[in-house]
Amino acid sequence: MTTTKAAANSPEEFNPEKAAEAVKEVAKKIKDTSKAVRDTVSTFTASGAITEMAEASRDAAVAARDTTRNITDTTREMQKSGVIAETAKAMDETIGEASKAADEAIKMPKQVEKSAPETTKAAKKGAKAIAKTSKKVQNQARKAVKKESTKAKKYAHRKMKQAKSASKRWGSR
């Protein structure tokens, strides 16, 4: 490596005319590249491509913002109105009333037993079946309400994360 440096620095290797030509060639390339860049920018500006891209980006950002606001507003309205809570409560109350009705139906055969023994046996079977079914339905309804509530929460959480992510992407540009 030292011999190469020595050879490059030696006076007989250095040629000022060649160096001047090399500098001129670099300067010409810089001028040509500058002109090409200037022409490209002028063409983009004249064609309206830059303006169109800026407007499209703005429109996309505004649409994302408005959609996020809509989702937020709808979620807040649902929370404030208590629609979900009221629906779940009404379902729970309905299930409770159905269970009470089944309990009453179970008591009925005892009253009928004295007057109609054959009918009593059939009524007991029916009442037990109703009670068993209503308990099963009650449990299924509770699970469904919990599942849908969980789904709604996950959906809202996922949409909020997407909105924040989009907001960050657009904010960093």
Protein backbone atom coordinates (compact mmCIF):
# COMPACT_ATOMS: atom_id res chain seq x y z
CA MET A 1 0.00 0.00 0.00
CA THR A 2 2.79 2.43 0.74
CA THR A 3 4.28 1.99 -2.74
CA THR A 4 0.96 2.97 -4.35
CA LYS A 5 0.74 6.14 -2.29
CA ALA A 6 4.32 6.98 -3.07
CA ALA A 7 3.74 6.46 -6.78
CA ALA A 8 0.61 8.60 -6.77
CA ASN A 9 2.41 11.40 -4.95
CA SER A 10 5.49 11.31 -7.12
CA PRO A 11 5.91 14.31 -9.46
CA GLU A 12 6.31 12.22 -12.65
CA GLU A 13 2.87 10.55 -12.09
CA PHE A 14 0.88 13.76 -11.53
CA ASN A 15 -0.30 15.45 -14.70
CA PRO A 16 -1.93 18.87 -14.19
CA GLU A 17 -3.57 18.82 -17.64
CA LYS A 18 -5.22 15.46 -16.91
CA ALA A 19 -6.35 16.74 -13.49
CA ALA A 20 -7.83 19.89 -15.05
CA GLU A 21 -9.64 17.76 -17.68
CA ALA A 22 -11.04 15.51 -14.92
CA VAL A 23 -12.29 18.53 -12.95
CA LYS A 24 -13.87 19.99 -16.11
CA GLU A 25 -15.62 16.67 -16.81
CA VAL A 26 -16.98 16.50 -13.25
CA ALA A 27 -18.22 20.08 -13.53
CA LYS A 28 -19.92 19.27 -16.85
CA LYS A 29 -21.65 16.24 -15.28
CA ILE A 30 -22.83 18.41 -12.36
CA LYS A 31 -24.23 21.00 -14.80
CA ASP A 32 -25.96 18.30 -16.89
CA THR A 33 -27.45 16.63 -13.81
CA SER A 34 -28.61 19.98 -12.41
CA LYS A 35 -30.30 20.80 -15.72
CA ALA A 36 -31.99 17.37 -15.80
CA VAL A 37 -33.25 17.82 -12.23
CA ARG A 38 -34.48 21.35 -13.02
CA ASP A 39 -36.26 20.09 -16.16
CA THR A 40 -37.84 17.20 -14.23
CA VAL A 41 -39.11 19.49 -11.48
CA SER A 42 -40.45 21.93 -14.08
CA THR A 43 -42.23 19.11 -15.93
CA PHE A 44 -43.74 17.76 -12.69
CA THR A 45 -44.88 21.23 -11.68
CA ALA A 46 -46.29 22.10 -15.10
CA SER A 47 -48.17 18.78 -15.35
CA GLY A 48 -49.81 19.33 -11.96
CA ALA A 49 -48.56 15.95 -10.69
CA ILE A 50 -47.09 17.41 -7.51
CA THR A 51 -50.27 19.35 -6.72
CA GLU A 52 -52.41 16.31 -7.48
CA MET A 53 -50.30 14.09 -5.20
CA ALA A 54 -50.50 16.65 -2.40
CA GLU A 55 -54.28 16.96 -2.78
CA ALA A 56 -54.73 13.17 -2.86
CA SER A 57 -52.63 12.83 0.30
CA ARG A 58 -54.68 15.55 1.99
CA ASP A 59 -57.97 13.88 0.97
CA ALA A 60 -56.81 10.51 2.30
CA ALA A 61 -55.73 12.07 5.60
CA VAL A 62 -59.03 13.94 5.97
CA ALA A 63 -61.03 10.77 5.19
CA ALA A 64 -59.05 8.76 7.76
CA ARG A 65 -59.54 11.50 10.35
CA ASP A 66 -63.28 11.77 9.69
CA THR A 67 -63.76 8.00 9.84
CA THR A 68 -61.90 7.85 13.13
CA ARG A 69 -64.04 10.66 14.53
CA ASN A 70 -67.21 8.85 13.40
CA ILE A 71 -66.14 5.64 15.11
CA THR A 72 -65.27 7.55 18.29
CA ASP A 73 -68.57 9.47 18.27
CA THR A 74 -70.63 6.33 17.69
CA THR A 75 -68.83 4.51 20.49
CA ARG A 76 -69.39 7.43 22.87
CA GLU A 77 -73.09 7.63 21.93
CA MET A 78 -73.53 3.93 22.58
CA GLN A 79 -71.82 4.25 25.94
CA LYS A 80 -73.83 7.32 26.95
CA SER A 81 -77.19 5.96 25.78
CA GLY A 82 -76.64 2.68 27.59
CA VAL A 83 -78.12 0.70 24.69
CA ILE A 84 -75.77 -2.24 25.18
CA ALA A 85 -76.14 -2.28 28.95
CA GLU A 86 -79.94 -2.00 28.71
CA THR A 87 -80.13 -4.80 26.15
CA ALA A 88 -78.00 -7.10 28.29
CA LYS A 89 -80.06 -6.22 31.37
CA ALA A 90 -83.35 -6.87 29.53
CA MET A 91 -82.06 -10.24 28.35
CA ASP A 92 -80.96 -11.13 31.85
CA GLU A 93 -84.36 -10.11 33.27
CA THR A 94 -86.16 -12.09 30.58
CA ILE A 95 -84.11 -15.15 31.39
CA GLY A 96 -84.86 -14.68 35.09
CA GLU A 97 -88.61 -14.41 34.38
CA ALA A 98 -88.46 -17.53 32.21
CA SER A 99 -86.77 -19.35 35.06
CA LYS A 100 -89.52 -18.19 37.48
CA ALA A 101 -92.16 -19.37 35.01
CA ALA A 102 -90.47 -22.76 34.88
CA ASP A 103 -90.43 -22.92 38.69
CA GLU A 104 -94.17 -22.15 38.77
CA ALA A 105 -94.77 -24.80 36.14
CA ILE A 106 -93.01 -27.31 38.38
CA LYS A 107 -95.38 -26.43 41.29
CA MET A 108 -98.44 -26.90 39.10
CA PRO A 109 -98.40 -30.71 39.06
CA LYS A 110 -98.64 -30.82 42.87
CA GLN A 111 -101.91 -28.91 42.72
CA VAL A 112 -103.24 -31.02 39.91
CA GLU A 113 -101.97 -34.29 41.38
CA LYS A 114 -104.94 -34.77 43.67
CA SER A 115 -107.55 -34.18 41.01
CA ALA A 116 -105.90 -35.87 38.00
CA PRO A 117 -103.12 -38.36 38.79
CA GLU A 118 -102.43 -39.31 35.15
CA THR A 119 -102.25 -35.72 34.05
CA THR A 120 -99.95 -35.03 36.98
CA LYS A 121 -97.32 -37.48 35.74
CA ALA A 122 -97.35 -35.89 32.26
CA ALA A 123 -97.24 -32.36 33.69
CA LYS A 124 -94.25 -33.19 35.92
CA LYS A 125 -92.33 -34.51 32.95
CA GLY A 126 -93.20 -31.42 30.94
CA ALA A 127 -92.31 -29.03 33.75
CA LYS A 128 -88.93 -30.68 34.30
CA ALA A 129 -88.20 -30.49 30.61
CA ILE A 130 -89.17 -26.81 30.54
CA ALA A 131 -87.04 -26.05 33.60
CA LYS A 132 -84.07 -27.88 32.17
CA THR A 133 -84.42 -26.14 28.81
CA SER A 134 -84.89 -22.69 30.34
CA LYS A 135 -81.74 -23.10 32.45
CA LYS A 136 -79.83 -24.19 29.36
CA VAL A 137 -81.17 -21.24 27.36
CA GLN A 138 -80.39 -18.90 30.24
CA ASN A 139 -76.77 -20.07 30.31
CA GLN A 140 -76.46 -19.86 26.52
CA ALA A 141 -77.88 -16.33 26.50
CA ARG A 142 -75.50 -15.20 29.22
CA LYS A 143 -72.54 -16.67 27.32
CA ALA A 144 -73.71 -15.02 24.11
CA VAL A 145 -74.03 -11.63 25.81
CA LYS A 146 -70.55 -11.95 27.31
CA LYS A 147 -69.11 -13.12 23.99
CA GLU A 148 -70.69 -10.28 22.02
CA SER A 149 -69.64 -7.76 24.65
CA THR A 150 -66.09 -9.06 24.44
CA LYS A 151 -66.23 -8.99 20.64
CA ALA A 152 -67.49 -5.41 20.68
CA LYS A 153 -64.72 -4.35 23.04
CA LYS A 154 -62.07 -6.10 20.92
CA TYR A 155 -63.49 -4.58 17.73
CA ALA A 156 -63.49 -1.08 19.22
CA HIS A 157 -59.97 -1.58 20.58
CA ARG A 158 -58.74 -2.85 17.20
CA LYS A 159 -60.31 0.09 15.34
CA MET A 160 -58.78 2.58 17.78
CA LYS A 161 -55.33 1.00 17.29
CA GLN A 162 -55.78 1.19 13.52
CA ALA A 163 -56.82 4.82 13.76
CA LYS A 164 -53.84 5.67 15.97
CA SER A 165 -51.52 3.82 13.61
CA ALA A 166 -52.92 5.68 10.61
CA SER A 167 -52.66 8.93 12.51
CA LYS A 168 -49.01 8.26 13.33
CA ARG A 169 -48.25 7.29 9.72
CA TRP A 170 -49.80 10.45 8.35
CA GLY A 171 -48.33 12.60 11.09
CA SER A 172 -44.78 11.45 10.38
CA ARG A 173 -44.91 12.36 6.68
